[in-house]
Protein backbone atom coordinates (compact mmCIF):
# COMPACT_ATOMS: atom_id res chain seq x y z
CA UNK A 1 120.08 -5.20 121.03
CA UNK A 2 116.65 -3.66 121.45
CA UNK A 3 114.27 -2.91 118.60
CA UNK A 4 115.10 0.77 118.99
CA UNK A 5 118.80 0.04 118.64
CA UNK A 6 118.22 -2.11 115.57
CA UNK A 7 116.04 0.54 113.97
CA UNK A 8 118.67 3.17 114.68
CA UNK A 9 121.38 0.98 113.20
CA UNK A 10 119.26 0.43 110.06
CA UNK A 11 118.79 4.18 109.67
CA UNK A 12 122.52 4.74 110.15
CA UNK A 13 123.42 2.15 107.52
CA UNK A 14 120.82 3.67 105.17
CA UNK A 15 122.46 7.09 105.49
CA UNK A 16 125.92 5.59 104.94
CA UNK A 17 124.70 3.69 101.88
CA UNK A 18 123.00 6.80 100.48
CA UNK A 19 126.17 8.85 100.89
CA UNK A 20 128.24 6.08 99.27
CA UNK A 21 125.84 6.07 96.31
CA UNK A 22 126.13 9.86 96.01
CA UNK A 23 129.93 9.64 96.01
CA UNK A 24 129.84 6.88 93.38
CA UNK A 25 127.67 9.10 91.13
CA UNK A 26 129.92 12.10 91.69
CA UNK A 27 127.43 14.05 93.82
CA UNK A 28 129.98 14.79 96.52
CA UNK A 29 129.85 18.57 96.31
CA UNK A 30 127.79 20.59 98.74
CA UNK A 31 127.54 24.36 98.64
CA UNK A 32 128.70 26.40 101.61
CA UNK A 33 125.09 27.40 102.23
CA UNK A 34 124.01 23.74 102.41
CA UNK A 35 126.83 22.94 104.81
CA UNK A 36 125.99 25.91 107.05
CA UNK A 37 122.30 25.00 107.01
CA UNK A 38 123.13 21.37 107.88
CA UNK A 39 125.26 22.58 110.82
CA UNK A 40 122.38 24.73 112.11
CA UNK A 41 119.93 21.84 111.78
CA UNK A 42 122.34 19.54 113.60
CA UNK A 43 122.60 21.97 116.50
CA UNK A 44 118.82 22.32 116.62
CA UNK A 45 118.43 18.54 116.66
CA UNK A 46 120.96 18.19 119.48
CA UNK A 47 119.17 20.82 121.55
CA UNK A 48 115.88 19.00 121.00
CA UNK A 49 117.37 15.62 121.97
CA UNK A 50 118.97 17.01 125.12
CA UNK A 51 115.72 18.76 126.05
CA UNK A 52 113.69 15.58 125.57
CA UNK A 53 116.17 13.50 127.57
CA UNK A 54 116.13 16.05 130.38
CA UNK A 55 112.33 15.97 130.50
CA UNK A 56 112.35 12.16 130.53
CA UNK A 57 114.90 12.15 133.33
CA UNK A 58 112.68 14.44 135.42
CA UNK A 59 109.67 12.20 134.76
CA UNK A 60 111.62 9.08 135.74
CA UNK A 61 112.76 10.73 138.99
CA UNK A 62 109.13 11.56 139.79
CA UNK A 63 108.04 7.99 139.03
CA UNK A 64 110.83 6.61 141.21
CA UNK A 65 109.73 8.85 144.09
CA UNK A 66 106.08 7.84 143.63
CA UNK A 67 107.00 4.14 143.55
CA UNK A 68 108.96 4.58 146.78
CA UNK A 69 105.95 6.26 148.45
CA UNK A 70 103.65 3.45 147.30
CA UNK A 71 106.14 0.87 148.62
CA UNK A 72 106.26 2.54 152.03
CA UNK A 73 102.44 2.74 152.12
CA UNK A 74 102.17 -0.95 151.28
CA UNK A 75 104.69 -1.88 153.97
CA UNK A 76 102.69 0.12 156.53
CA UNK A 77 99.42 -1.52 155.43
CA UNK A 78 100.90 -5.04 155.59
CA UNK A 79 102.49 -4.31 158.98
CA UNK A 80 99.12 -3.15 160.38
CA UNK A 81 97.35 -6.19 158.96
CA UNK A 82 99.90 -8.56 160.47
CA UNK A 83 99.86 -6.84 163.85
CA UNK A 84 96.09 -7.06 164.27
């Protein structure tokens, strides 16, 4: 697993542990306002993640196209060098 995956797993386990501690102390009650606010924040986070992933996908497509153009240019240059 990559460092990013390990860091994500550590954060996940930290959240699970924190919630378990809250339940053990009896802090398992959230107001309706807190739940609604958490739902809104979750939706906002998902929109942000999808937006960032879409932007990264566009950038990767551009890089792939540029790498292909560079490859074709290098093939043409090598072919001209070999033919002369």
